[in-house]
Amino acid sequence: MRKHGLILLSIIVSTSLLLTACGGTSPSGDTLSTSTSASSDNLSGTISVSGAFALYPMMTVWAEEFNKVHPDVQFDVQGGGAGKGMTDTIAGAVDIGMISRSIKDEETAQGIFWVSVTKDAVFPIISSENPVADKILAKGISQEIFNKIYITGEITTWGEVVGDPSITEEIHVFTRSDAAGAAEMWSKYAGGKAQEDLKGIGVNGEPSMVDTVIKDPLGIGYGNLNSIFDLSGGGLVPGIIIPPLDINANGQADTEEVYKFKEDAFDAVANGVYPSPPSRFENLATKGKPTGVTLAFIEWILTDGQQFLEAAGYVPLTPEQQAESLAKLK
């Protein structure tokens, strides 16, 4: 599973540069260089980031790669969920919030500015030890059934899921207890409007959700693309299965609806075959338009930083989407 918490890249900052810098200050009080170009060699300061578990692994990669180009910039990157990222950003406690859902009107009214930086998706997950796993892989699960499991609570047994009343094992429904973009997107796909509409036992955090489902043969949950695939090997994390979404509601899992390898899921999201929701854009939020080293970093993410996405399990923006996000920063 992924590491959480503080990612700190050691930096030596020239005292004379700090004294002469005329830029703003980060929430942690570090003086920032006045340079706003990602190609500049004199960027310095600290960028603090918190938020979505979905974007956390990618942000650590971006921080490391940006530091190679600009060694006088240090990063403090923390997870905690999209809700924490937004709360921290509104409060001015961090420079950047990682938000794995749409930005709400009430958040923009509080001064939140945002740009999309990549695309990701939420997938349902069950244990590979599920007693009806073979039937689910053959039939898939329709959106209507997910609605009756997660929103209305009408379906409570695995027999009802596969259409076999002789199977009476109860479904153990899991959802996220922390404010999470993945939960909101899954709720919208299942027919709800917000995370609070989801039924289930609350699990705190993305890693815990995956681990909980692996250990419970009767469990069902959901997770982000980059957390349910073994990125080094390309297969699913051992112990879980993605129930195919019966997108065309024909009562069977078609080839394009079955995702056993990262490449298949990645292509489905990139090509728009996988529905949205639960696919979604991942966003970076700031309090007002970013400036200084924060602006330079986000510009770099939208240009040079896109090359690191696919290897980490994320879908790069199209050229048109990149241009749209860059134009917002001007």
C-alpha atoms as a PDB file:
ATOM      1  CA  MET A   1       0.000   0.000   0.000  1.00  0.00           C
ATOM      2  CA  ARG A   2       1.024   3.581  -0.322  1.00  0.00           C
ATOM      3  CA  LYS A   3       2.906   5.578   2.233  1.00  0.00           C
ATOM      4  CA  HIS A   4       1.097   8.456   3.881  1.00  0.00           C
ATOM      5  CA  GLY A   5       2.075  11.569   5.684  1.00  0.00           C
ATOM      6  CA  LEU A   6       4.985  13.911   5.250  1.00  0.00           C
ATOM      7  CA  ILE A   7       7.100  13.926   2.108  1.00  0.00           C
ATOM      8  CA  LEU A   8      10.004  16.275   2.679  1.00  0.00           C
ATOM      9  CA  LEU A   9      12.643  16.937   0.075  1.00  0.00           C
ATOM     10  CA  SER A  10      15.773  18.399   1.698  1.00  0.00           C
ATOM     11  CA  ILE A  11      16.689  21.799   0.354  1.00  0.00           C
ATOM     12  CA  ILE A  12      19.586  24.207   0.954  1.00  0.00           C
ATOM     13  CA  VAL A  13      18.382  27.752   0.383  1.00  0.00           C
ATOM     14  CA  SER A  14      20.855  30.613   0.057  1.00  0.00           C
ATOM     15  CA  THR A  15      20.495  33.142   2.853  1.00  0.00           C
ATOM     16  CA  SER A  16      21.216  36.028   0.529  1.00  0.00           C
ATOM     17  CA  LEU A  17      18.477  34.870  -1.861  1.00  0.00           C
ATOM     18  CA  LEU A  18      15.943  34.659   0.929  1.00  0.00           C
ATOM     19  CA  LEU A  19      16.802  38.153   2.087  1.00  0.00           C
ATOM     20  CA  THR A  20      16.419  39.672  -1.347  1.00  0.00           C
ATOM     21  CA  ALA A  21      13.329  37.780  -2.487  1.00  0.00           C
ATOM     22  CA  CYS A  22      10.321  40.003  -3.020  1.00  0.00           C
ATOM     23  CA  GLY A  23       7.663  37.354  -3.527  1.00  0.00           C
ATOM     24  CA  GLY A  24       4.883  36.252  -1.187  1.00  0.00           C
ATOM     25  CA  THR A  25       5.096  33.751   1.640  1.00  0.00           C
ATOM     26  CA  SER A  26       3.750  30.233   1.883  1.00  0.00           C
ATOM     27  CA  PRO A  27       1.407  29.191   4.739  1.00  0.00           C
ATOM     28  CA  SER A  28       4.471  27.818   6.506  1.00  0.00           C
ATOM     29  CA  GLY A  29       6.119  31.237   6.341  1.00  0.00           C
ATOM     30  CA  ASP A  30       8.845  30.503   3.785  1.00  0.00           C
ATOM     31  CA  THR A  31       9.797  33.337   1.480  1.00  0.00           C
ATOM     32  CA  LEU A  32       9.109  32.544  -2.156  1.00  0.00           C
ATOM     33  CA  SER A  33      11.046  33.554  -5.229  1.00  0.00           C
ATOM     34  CA  THR A  34       9.414  36.178  -7.407  1.00  0.00           C
ATOM     35  CA  SER A  35       9.963  33.998 -10.471  1.00  0.00           C
ATOM     36  CA  THR A  36       6.773  32.584 -12.016  1.00  0.00           C
ATOM     37  CA  SER A  37       8.243  30.585 -14.877  1.00  0.00           C
ATOM     38  CA  ALA A  38       8.719  26.834 -14.560  1.00  0.00           C
ATOM     39  CA  SER A  39      11.819  27.168 -16.736  1.00  0.00           C
ATOM     40  CA  SER A  40      13.471  29.596 -14.340  1.00  0.00           C
ATOM     41  CA  ASP A  41      16.528  28.370 -12.451  1.00  0.00           C
ATOM     42  CA  ASN A  42      16.133  30.580  -9.368  1.00  0.00           C
ATOM     43  CA  LEU A  43      12.892  29.228  -7.918  1.00  0.00           C
ATOM     44  CA  SER A  44      13.021  28.695  -4.176  1.00  0.00           C
ATOM     45  CA  GLY A  45      10.707  28.229  -1.231  1.00  0.00           C
ATOM     46  CA  THR A  46       8.312  25.687   0.223  1.00  0.00           C
ATOM     47  CA  ILE A  47       5.108  24.390  -1.357  1.00  0.00           C
ATOM     48  CA  SER A  48       2.668  22.752   1.054  1.00  0.00           C
ATOM     49  CA  VAL A  49       0.023  20.379  -0.321  1.00  0.00           C
ATOM     50  CA  SER A  50      -2.764  18.304   1.234  1.00  0.00           C
ATOM     51  CA  GLY A  51      -5.851  16.464   0.117  1.00  0.00           C
ATOM     52  CA  ALA A  52      -7.147  13.568  -1.933  1.00  0.00           C
ATOM     53  CA  PHE A  53      -5.656  10.119  -1.487  1.00  0.00           C
ATOM     54  CA  ALA A  54      -6.431   9.642  -5.185  1.00  0.00           C
ATOM     55  CA  LEU A  55      -3.897  12.292  -6.206  1.00  0.00           C
ATOM     56  CA  TYR A  56      -1.400  11.826  -3.381  1.00  0.00           C
ATOM     57  CA  PRO A  57       0.865   9.236  -5.111  1.00  0.00           C
ATOM     58  CA  MET A  58       1.084  11.388  -8.242  1.00  0.00           C
ATOM     59  CA  MET A  59       1.835  14.519  -6.256  1.00  0.00           C
ATOM     60  CA  THR A  60       4.802  12.843  -4.580  1.00  0.00           C
ATOM     61  CA  VAL A  61       6.192  11.960  -8.024  1.00  0.00           C
ATOM     62  CA  TRP A  62       5.657  15.496  -9.302  1.00  0.00           C
ATOM     63  CA  ALA A  63       7.330  16.938  -6.205  1.00  0.00           C
ATOM     64  CA  GLU A  64      10.378  14.711  -6.641  1.00  0.00           C
ATOM     65  CA  GLU A  65      10.713  15.433 -10.365  1.00  0.00           C
ATOM     66  CA  PHE A  66      10.228  19.186  -9.945  1.00  0.00           C
ATOM     67  CA  ASN A  67      12.853  19.198  -7.218  1.00  0.00           C
ATOM     68  CA  LYS A  68      15.351  17.652  -9.644  1.00  0.00           C
ATOM     69  CA  VAL A  69      14.888  20.682 -11.896  1.00  0.00           C
ATOM     70  CA  HIS A  70      14.571  23.221  -9.073  1.00  0.00           C
ATOM     71  CA  PRO A  71      16.570  21.935  -6.084  1.00  0.00           C
ATOM     72  CA  ASP A  72      15.857  25.070  -4.029  1.00  0.00           C
ATOM     73  CA  VAL A  73      12.147  24.186  -3.764  1.00  0.00           C
ATOM     74  CA  GLN A  74      10.976  21.890  -0.983  1.00  0.00           C
ATOM     75  CA  PHE A  75       7.628  20.160  -0.572  1.00  0.00           C
ATOM     76  CA  ASP A  76       5.374  19.181   2.299  1.00  0.00           C
ATOM     77  CA  VAL A  77       2.809  16.765   0.840  1.00  0.00           C
ATOM     78  CA  GLN A  78       0.109  15.136   2.953  1.00  0.00           C
ATOM     79  CA  GLY A  79      -2.961  13.019   2.210  1.00  0.00           C
ATOM     80  CA  GLY A  80      -6.100  13.079   4.316  1.00  0.00           C
ATOM     81  CA  GLY A  81      -8.835  13.143   1.674  1.00  0.00           C
ATOM     82  CA  ALA A  82     -10.329  15.738  -0.656  1.00  0.00           C
ATOM     83  CA  GLY A  83     -12.341  17.257   2.174  1.00  0.00           C
ATOM     84  CA  LYS A  84      -9.211  17.978   4.180  1.00  0.00           C
ATOM     85  CA  GLY A  85      -7.494  19.411   1.128  1.00  0.00           C
ATOM     86  CA  MET A  86     -10.333  21.831   0.513  1.00  0.00           C
ATOM     87  CA  THR A  87     -10.631  22.814   4.183  1.00  0.00           C
ATOM     88  CA  ASP A  88      -6.886  23.431   4.414  1.00  0.00           C
ATOM     89  CA  THR A  89      -6.864  25.494   1.219  1.00  0.00           C
ATOM     90  CA  ILE A  90      -9.788  27.690   2.233  1.00  0.00           C
ATOM     91  CA  ALA A  91      -8.139  28.252   5.624  1.00  0.00           C
ATOM     92  CA  GLY A  92      -4.834  29.193   3.998  1.00  0.00           C
ATOM     93  CA  ALA A  93      -3.096  26.328   5.785  1.00  0.00           C
ATOM     94  CA  VAL A  94      -1.620  24.946   2.545  1.00  0.00           C
ATOM     95  CA  ASP A  95      -0.638  26.349  -0.829  1.00  0.00           C
ATOM     96  CA  ILE A  96      -2.374  23.647  -2.878  1.00  0.00           C
ATOM     97  CA  GLY A  97      -5.313  21.356  -2.200  1.00  0.00           C
ATOM     98  CA  MET A  98      -5.676  18.058  -4.070  1.00  0.00           C
ATOM     99  CA  ILE A  99      -9.373  17.704  -4.930  1.00  0.00           C
ATOM    100  CA  SER A 100     -10.661  14.517  -6.556  1.00  0.00           C
ATOM    101  CA  ARG A 101     -14.137  15.812  -7.339  1.00  0.00           C
ATOM    102  CA  SER A 102     -15.872  18.803  -8.870  1.00  0.00           C
ATOM    103  CA  ILE A 103     -15.373  22.146  -7.144  1.00  0.00           C
ATOM    104  CA  LYS A 104     -18.544  23.434  -5.530  1.00  0.00           C
ATOM    105  CA  ASP A 105     -20.051  26.893  -5.995  1.00  0.00           C
ATOM    106  CA  GLU A 106     -19.802  27.621  -2.284  1.00  0.00           C
ATOM    107  CA  GLU A 107     -16.071  26.860  -2.446  1.00  0.00           C
ATOM    108  CA  THR A 108     -15.417  29.233  -5.341  1.00  0.00           C
ATOM    109  CA  ALA A 109     -17.424  31.825  -3.402  1.00  0.00           C
ATOM    110  CA  GLN A 110     -14.809  31.480  -0.651  1.00  0.00           C
ATOM    111  CA  GLY A 111     -12.017  32.347  -3.051  1.00  0.00           C
ATOM    112  CA  ILE A 112     -11.107  28.901  -4.369  1.00  0.00           C
ATOM    113  CA  PHE A 113      -9.408  28.811  -7.766  1.00  0.00           C
ATOM    114  CA  TRP A 114      -8.822  25.469  -9.479  1.00  0.00           C
ATOM    115  CA  VAL A 115      -7.462  23.738 -12.552  1.00  0.00           C
ATOM    116  CA  SER A 116      -7.737  20.141 -13.765  1.00  0.00           C
ATOM    117  CA  VAL A 117      -4.393  18.332 -14.022  1.00  0.00           C
ATOM    118  CA  THR A 118      -5.194  14.681 -14.829  1.00  0.00           C
ATOM    119  CA  LYS A 119      -8.023  12.187 -15.197  1.00  0.00           C
ATOM    120  CA  ASP A 120      -8.741   9.203 -12.963  1.00  0.00           C
ATOM    121  CA  ALA A 121     -11.620   6.855 -12.202  1.00  0.00           C
ATOM    122  CA  VAL A 122     -13.299   5.076  -9.313  1.00  0.00           C
ATOM    123  CA  PHE A 123     -13.934   1.332  -9.664  1.00  0.00           C
ATOM    124  CA  PRO A 124     -16.065  -1.037  -7.601  1.00  0.00           C
ATOM    125  CA  ILE A 125     -14.071  -3.757  -5.855  1.00  0.00           C
ATOM    126  CA  ILE A 126     -14.878  -7.113  -4.260  1.00  0.00           C
ATOM    127  CA  SER A 127     -12.722  -9.797  -2.691  1.00  0.00           C
ATOM    128  CA  SER A 128     -11.299 -12.462  -4.976  1.00  0.00           C
ATOM    129  CA  GLU A 129     -12.716 -14.909  -2.394  1.00  0.00           C
ATOM    130  CA  ASN A 130     -16.287 -13.706  -2.996  1.00  0.00           C
ATOM    131  CA  PRO A 131     -18.564 -16.797  -3.185  1.00  0.00           C
ATOM    132  CA  VAL A 132     -20.168 -15.643  -6.458  1.00  0.00           C
ATOM    133  CA  ALA A 133     -17.071 -14.050  -8.028  1.00  0.00           C
ATOM    134  CA  ASP A 134     -17.229 -16.244 -11.150  1.00  0.00           C
ATOM    135  CA  LYS A 135     -20.873 -15.366 -11.798  1.00  0.00           C
ATOM    136  CA  ILE A 136     -20.190 -11.666 -11.275  1.00  0.00           C
ATOM    137  CA  LEU A 137     -17.264 -11.737 -13.713  1.00  0.00           C
ATOM    138  CA  ALA A 138     -19.539 -13.396 -16.277  1.00  0.00           C
ATOM    139  CA  LYS A 139     -22.627 -11.231 -15.760  1.00  0.00           C
ATOM    140  CA  GLY A 140     -21.291  -7.926 -14.500  1.00  0.00           C
ATOM    141  CA  ILE A 141     -23.284  -5.662 -12.223  1.00  0.00           C
ATOM    142  CA  SER A 142     -25.678  -3.084 -13.645  1.00  0.00           C
ATOM    143  CA  GLN A 143     -25.985   0.506 -12.497  1.00  0.00           C
ATOM    144  CA  GLU A 144     -29.471  -0.313 -11.213  1.00  0.00           C
ATOM    145  CA  ILE A 145     -28.105  -3.008  -8.924  1.00  0.00           C
ATOM    146  CA  PHE A 146     -25.401  -0.695  -7.589  1.00  0.00           C
ATOM    147  CA  ASN A 147     -28.191   1.806  -6.878  1.00  0.00           C
ATOM    148  CA  LYS A 148     -30.115  -0.780  -4.894  1.00  0.00           C
ATOM    149  CA  ILE A 149     -27.005  -1.793  -2.936  1.00  0.00           C
ATOM    150  CA  TYR A 150     -25.585   1.626  -2.162  1.00  0.00           C
ATOM    151  CA  ILE A 151     -28.461   4.113  -2.282  1.00  0.00           C
ATOM    152  CA  THR A 152     -31.826   2.461  -1.589  1.00  0.00           C
ATOM    153  CA  GLY A 153     -30.570  -0.603   0.312  1.00  0.00           C
ATOM    154  CA  GLU A 154     -33.100  -2.850  -1.455  1.00  0.00           C
ATOM    155  CA  ILE A 155     -30.497  -5.478  -2.376  1.00  0.00           C
ATOM    156  CA  THR A 156     -28.845  -7.090   0.626  1.00  0.00           C
ATOM    157  CA  THR A 157     -27.624 -10.541  -0.525  1.00  0.00           C
ATOM    158  CA  TRP A 158     -25.143 -11.738  -3.140  1.00  0.00           C
ATOM    159  CA  GLY A 159     -27.851 -14.041  -4.490  1.00  0.00           C
ATOM    160  CA  GLU A 160     -29.910 -10.991  -5.433  1.00  0.00           C
ATOM    161  CA  VAL A 161     -26.906  -9.533  -7.243  1.00  0.00           C
ATOM    162  CA  VAL A 162     -26.476 -12.590  -9.498  1.00  0.00           C
ATOM    163  CA  GLY A 163     -30.153 -13.580  -9.707  1.00  0.00           C
ATOM    164  CA  ASP A 164     -29.913 -16.762  -7.623  1.00  0.00           C
ATOM    165  CA  PRO A 165     -32.277 -16.757  -4.595  1.00  0.00           C
ATOM    166  CA  SER A 166     -30.637 -19.892  -3.186  1.00  0.00           C
ATOM    167  CA  ILE A 167     -27.551 -17.812  -2.335  1.00  0.00           C
ATOM    168  CA  THR A 168     -28.278 -15.997   0.897  1.00  0.00           C
ATOM    169  CA  GLU A 169     -24.883 -14.609   1.963  1.00  0.00           C
ATOM    170  CA  GLU A 170     -25.285 -11.017   3.083  1.00  0.00           C
ATOM    171  CA  ILE A 171     -23.486  -8.209   1.254  1.00  0.00           C
ATOM    172  CA  HIS A 172     -21.099  -6.286   3.507  1.00  0.00           C
ATOM    173  CA  VAL A 173     -21.252  -2.781   2.070  1.00  0.00           C
ATOM    174  CA  PHE A 174     -18.306  -0.467   2.710  1.00  0.00           C
ATOM    175  CA  THR A 175     -17.991   3.243   2.020  1.00  0.00           C
ATOM    176  CA  ARG A 176     -15.580   6.005   2.981  1.00  0.00           C
ATOM    177  CA  SER A 177     -16.009   7.672   6.353  1.00  0.00           C
ATOM    178  CA  ASP A 178     -13.662  10.551   5.477  1.00  0.00           C
ATOM    179  CA  ALA A 179     -14.734  13.302   3.074  1.00  0.00           C
ATOM    180  CA  ALA A 180     -13.570  11.798  -0.217  1.00  0.00           C
ATOM    181  CA  GLY A 181     -13.897  12.639  -3.875  1.00  0.00           C
ATOM    182  CA  ALA A 182     -14.020   8.934  -4.703  1.00  0.00           C
ATOM    183  CA  ALA A 183     -17.079   8.536  -2.504  1.00  0.00           C
ATOM    184  CA  GLU A 184     -18.846  11.481  -4.108  1.00  0.00           C
ATOM    185  CA  MET A 185     -18.177  10.178  -7.613  1.00  0.00           C
ATOM    186  CA  TRP A 186     -19.319   6.673  -6.688  1.00  0.00           C
ATOM    187  CA  SER A 187     -22.475   8.083  -5.142  1.00  0.00           C
ATOM    188  CA  LYS A 188     -23.289  10.005  -8.315  1.00  0.00           C
ATOM    189  CA  TYR A 189     -22.779   6.899 -10.451  1.00  0.00           C
ATOM    190  CA  ALA A 190     -24.991   4.839  -8.134  1.00  0.00           C
ATOM    191  CA  GLY A 191     -27.783   7.388  -8.347  1.00  0.00           C
ATOM    192  CA  GLY A 192     -27.102   9.588  -5.343  1.00  0.00           C
ATOM    193  CA  LYS A 193     -26.116  13.236  -5.226  1.00  0.00           C
ATOM    194  CA  ALA A 194     -23.452  13.334  -2.535  1.00  0.00           C
ATOM    195  CA  GLN A 195     -21.206  11.099  -0.433  1.00  0.00           C
ATOM    196  CA  GLU A 196     -23.742  11.205   2.397  1.00  0.00           C
ATOM    197  CA  ASP A 197     -26.260   9.320   0.216  1.00  0.00           C
ATOM    198  CA  LEU A 198     -24.122   6.157   0.253  1.00  0.00           C
ATOM    199  CA  LYS A 199     -25.081   3.359   2.607  1.00  0.00           C
ATOM    200  CA  GLY A 200     -22.453   1.148   4.197  1.00  0.00           C
ATOM    201  CA  ILE A 201     -19.907   0.776   6.966  1.00  0.00           C
ATOM    202  CA  GLY A 202     -17.509   3.719   7.007  1.00  0.00           C
ATOM    203  CA  VAL A 203     -13.820   3.080   6.355  1.00  0.00           C
ATOM    204  CA  ASN A 204     -11.281   5.856   6.820  1.00  0.00           C
ATOM    205  CA  GLY A 205      -9.020   6.353   3.816  1.00  0.00           C
ATOM    206  CA  GLU A 206      -8.327   4.720   0.478  1.00  0.00           C
ATOM    207  CA  PRO A 207      -5.718   2.169   1.658  1.00  0.00           C
ATOM    208  CA  SER A 208      -7.986   0.975   4.452  1.00  0.00           C
ATOM    209  CA  MET A 209     -10.880   0.545   2.030  1.00  0.00           C
ATOM    210  CA  VAL A 210      -8.849  -1.712  -0.263  1.00  0.00           C
ATOM    211  CA  ASP A 211      -7.454  -3.704   2.662  1.00  0.00           C
ATOM    212  CA  THR A 212     -10.901  -4.124   4.228  1.00  0.00           C
ATOM    213  CA  VAL A 213     -12.432  -5.509   1.041  1.00  0.00           C
ATOM    214  CA  ILE A 214      -9.506  -7.879   0.434  1.00  0.00           C
ATOM    215  CA  LYS A 215     -10.046  -9.386   3.892  1.00  0.00           C
ATOM    216  CA  ASP A 216     -13.838  -9.724   3.649  1.00  0.00           C
ATOM    217  CA  PRO A 217     -15.136 -12.282   1.101  1.00  0.00           C
ATOM    218  CA  LEU A 218     -18.634 -10.773   1.382  1.00  0.00           C
ATOM    219  CA  GLY A 219     -17.490  -7.160   1.120  1.00  0.00           C
ATOM    220  CA  ILE A 220     -17.972  -4.587  -1.626  1.00  0.00           C
ATOM    221  CA  GLY A 221     -16.311  -1.210  -1.841  1.00  0.00           C
ATOM    222  CA  TYR A 222     -14.675   1.126  -4.341  1.00  0.00           C
ATOM    223  CA  GLY A 223     -11.220   2.481  -5.054  1.00  0.00           C
ATOM    224  CA  ASN A 224      -9.196   4.635  -7.408  1.00  0.00           C
ATOM    225  CA  LEU A 225      -7.437   3.230 -10.453  1.00  0.00           C
ATOM    226  CA  ASN A 226      -3.940   3.784  -9.079  1.00  0.00           C
ATOM    227  CA  SER A 227      -4.695   2.052  -5.746  1.00  0.00           C
ATOM    228  CA  ILE A 228      -6.325  -1.130  -7.025  1.00  0.00           C
ATOM    229  CA  PHE A 229      -3.715  -2.019  -9.641  1.00  0.00           C
ATOM    230  CA  ASP A 230      -0.161  -3.152  -8.989  1.00  0.00           C
ATOM    231  CA  LEU A 231       1.532  -0.484 -11.083  1.00  0.00           C
ATOM    232  CA  SER A 232       4.798  -2.391 -11.360  1.00  0.00           C
ATOM    233  CA  GLY A 233       3.206  -5.557 -12.738  1.00  0.00           C
ATOM    234  CA  GLY A 234       0.066  -4.091 -14.274  1.00  0.00           C
ATOM    235  CA  GLY A 235      -2.349  -6.565 -12.685  1.00  0.00           C
ATOM    236  CA  LEU A 236      -4.880  -6.039  -9.945  1.00  0.00           C
ATOM    237  CA  VAL A 237      -3.664  -5.842  -6.369  1.00  0.00           C
ATOM    238  CA  PRO A 238      -3.729  -9.453  -5.127  1.00  0.00           C
ATOM    239  CA  GLY A 239      -6.975 -10.275  -3.355  1.00  0.00           C
ATOM    240  CA  ILE A 240      -9.393  -8.005  -5.219  1.00  0.00           C
ATOM    241  CA  ILE A 241     -11.569  -8.147  -8.331  1.00  0.00           C
ATOM    242  CA  ILE A 242     -13.247  -5.345 -10.250  1.00  0.00           C
ATOM    243  CA  PRO A 243     -16.884  -6.365 -10.852  1.00  0.00           C
ATOM    244  CA  PRO A 244     -17.537  -5.438 -14.497  1.00  0.00           C
ATOM    245  CA  LEU A 245     -19.959  -2.564 -14.914  1.00  0.00           C
ATOM    246  CA  ASP A 246     -22.697  -3.847 -17.218  1.00  0.00           C
ATOM    247  CA  ILE A 247     -22.671  -0.519 -19.030  1.00  0.00           C
ATOM    248  CA  ASN A 248     -24.996  -1.550 -21.856  1.00  0.00           C
ATOM    249  CA  ALA A 249     -27.291  -3.479 -19.458  1.00  0.00           C
ATOM    250  CA  ASN A 250     -27.304  -6.621 -21.622  1.00  0.00           C
ATOM    251  CA  GLY A 251     -26.925  -8.943 -18.650  1.00  0.00           C
ATOM    252  CA  GLN A 252     -23.387 -10.025 -19.407  1.00  0.00           C
ATOM    253  CA  ALA A 253     -19.876  -8.696 -19.003  1.00  0.00           C
ATOM    254  CA  ASP A 254     -18.595  -7.776 -22.455  1.00  0.00           C
ATOM    255  CA  THR A 255     -14.877  -7.734 -23.201  1.00  0.00           C
ATOM    256  CA  GLU A 256     -14.627  -3.945 -23.020  1.00  0.00           C
ATOM    257  CA  GLU A 257     -16.290  -4.002 -19.582  1.00  0.00           C
ATOM    258  CA  VAL A 258     -13.773  -6.376 -17.955  1.00  0.00           C
ATOM    259  CA  TYR A 259     -10.656  -4.843 -16.352  1.00  0.00           C
ATOM    260  CA  LYS A 260      -8.033  -7.267 -15.092  1.00  0.00           C
ATOM    261  CA  PHE A 261      -5.017  -5.211 -16.122  1.00  0.00           C
ATOM    262  CA  LYS A 262      -4.115  -1.560 -15.671  1.00  0.00           C
ATOM    263  CA  GLU A 263      -3.767  -1.053 -19.406  1.00  0.00           C
ATOM    264  CA  ASP A 264      -7.381  -2.105 -20.030  1.00  0.00           C
ATOM    265  CA  ALA A 265      -8.754   0.185 -17.333  1.00  0.00           C
ATOM    266  CA  PHE A 266      -6.475   3.041 -18.404  1.00  0.00           C
ATOM    267  CA  ASP A 267      -7.620   2.829 -22.032  1.00  0.00           C
ATOM    268  CA  ALA A 268     -11.283   2.663 -21.032  1.00  0.00           C
ATOM    269  CA  VAL A 269     -10.954   5.851 -18.990  1.00  0.00           C
ATOM    270  CA  ALA A 270      -8.828   7.684 -21.573  1.00  0.00           C
ATOM    271  CA  ASN A 271     -11.149   6.781 -24.449  1.00  0.00           C
ATOM    272  CA  GLY A 272     -14.365   7.591 -22.605  1.00  0.00           C
ATOM    273  CA  VAL A 273     -15.599   3.972 -22.620  1.00  0.00           C
ATOM    274  CA  TYR A 274     -15.704   3.929 -18.822  1.00  0.00           C
ATOM    275  CA  PRO A 275     -18.582   6.183 -17.727  1.00  0.00           C
ATOM    276  CA  SER A 276     -18.239   9.577 -16.058  1.00  0.00           C
ATOM    277  CA  PRO A 277     -19.035   9.441 -13.208  1.00  0.00           C
ATOM    278  CA  PRO A 278     -17.308   7.423 -11.815  1.00  0.00           C
ATOM    279  CA  SER A 279     -14.399   8.594 -13.983  1.00  0.00           C
ATOM    280  CA  ARG A 280     -13.464  12.178 -13.165  1.00  0.00           C
ATOM    281  CA  PHE A 281     -10.886  14.926 -13.451  1.00  0.00           C
ATOM    282  CA  GLU A 282      -8.422  15.440 -10.624  1.00  0.00           C
ATOM    283  CA  ASN A 283      -8.041  19.081  -9.664  1.00  0.00           C
ATOM    284  CA  LEU A 284      -5.596  21.340  -7.844  1.00  0.00           C
ATOM    285  CA  ALA A 285      -7.115  24.160  -5.804  1.00  0.00           C
ATOM    286  CA  THR A 286      -5.546  27.339  -4.451  1.00  0.00           C
ATOM    287  CA  LYS A 287      -6.861  30.299  -2.455  1.00  0.00           C
ATOM    288  CA  GLY A 288      -7.079  32.791  -5.288  1.00  0.00           C
ATOM    289  CA  LYS A 289      -4.995  32.474  -8.441  1.00  0.00           C
ATOM    290  CA  PRO A 290      -1.588  30.982  -7.680  1.00  0.00           C
ATOM    291  CA  THR A 291       1.510  33.131  -7.897  1.00  0.00           C
ATOM    292  CA  GLY A 292       5.258  32.752  -7.527  1.00  0.00           C
ATOM    293  CA  VAL A 293       6.710  29.294  -7.053  1.00  0.00           C
ATOM    294  CA  THR A 294       3.244  27.737  -6.646  1.00  0.00           C
ATOM    295  CA  LEU A 295       2.210  29.033 -10.057  1.00  0.00           C
ATOM    296  CA  ALA A 296       5.468  27.800 -11.594  1.00  0.00           C
ATOM    297  CA  PHE A 297       4.892  24.333 -10.145  1.00  0.00           C
ATOM    298  CA  ILE A 298       1.324  24.051 -11.437  1.00  0.00           C
ATOM    299  CA  GLU A 299       2.403  25.270 -14.888  1.00  0.00           C
ATOM    300  CA  TRP A 300       5.110  22.597 -14.881  1.00  0.00           C
ATOM    301  CA  ILE A 301       2.549  19.928 -13.922  1.00  0.00           C
ATOM    302  CA  LEU A 302       0.429  20.932 -16.915  1.00  0.00           C
ATOM    303  CA  THR A 303       3.389  20.755 -19.312  1.00  0.00           C
ATOM    304  CA  ASP A 304       6.504  18.731 -18.499  1.00  0.00           C
ATOM    305  CA  GLY A 305       4.797  16.996 -15.572  1.00  0.00           C
ATOM    306  CA  GLN A 306       2.237  15.257 -17.791  1.00  0.00           C
ATOM    307  CA  GLN A 307       4.882  12.779 -18.975  1.00  0.00           C
ATOM    308  CA  PHE A 308       4.963  11.073 -15.555  1.00  0.00           C
ATOM    309  CA  LEU A 309       1.233  10.358 -15.299  1.00  0.00           C
ATOM    310  CA  GLU A 310       0.733   7.116 -17.179  1.00  0.00           C
ATOM    311  CA  ALA A 311       3.469   5.187 -15.385  1.00  0.00           C
ATOM    312  CA  ALA A 312       1.856   6.147 -12.076  1.00  0.00           C
ATOM    313  CA  GLY A 313      -1.607   4.986 -13.144  1.00  0.00           C
ATOM    314  CA  TYR A 314      -3.166   8.284 -14.203  1.00  0.00           C
ATOM    315  CA  VAL A 315      -4.567   9.495 -17.517  1.00  0.00           C
ATOM    316  CA  PRO A 316      -2.862  12.583 -19.010  1.00  0.00           C
ATOM    317  CA  LEU A 317      -4.952  15.511 -20.155  1.00  0.00           C
ATOM    318  CA  THR A 318      -5.569  15.852 -23.875  1.00  0.00           C
ATOM    319  CA  PRO A 319      -3.779  18.790 -25.562  1.00  0.00           C
ATOM    320  CA  GLU A 320      -7.071  20.685 -25.555  1.00  0.00           C
ATOM    321  CA  GLN A 321      -7.593  20.054 -21.836  1.00  0.00           C
ATOM    322  CA  GLN A 322      -4.008  21.095 -21.091  1.00  0.00           C
ATOM    323  CA  ALA A 323      -4.502  24.332 -23.002  1.00  0.00           C
ATOM    324  CA  GLU A 324      -7.741  25.045 -21.142  1.00  0.00           C
ATOM    325  CA  SER A 325      -6.124  24.630 -17.738  1.00  0.00           C
ATOM    326  CA  LEU A 326      -3.058  26.690 -18.707  1.00  0.00           C
ATOM    327  CA  ALA A 327      -5.290  29.479 -20.028  1.00  0.00           C
ATOM    328  CA  LYS A 328      -7.074  29.661 -16.660  1.00  0.00           C
ATOM    329  CA  LEU A 329      -3.745  30.415 -14.980  1.00  0.00           C
ATOM    330  CA  LYS A 330      -3.069  33.498 -17.111  1.00  0.00           C
END
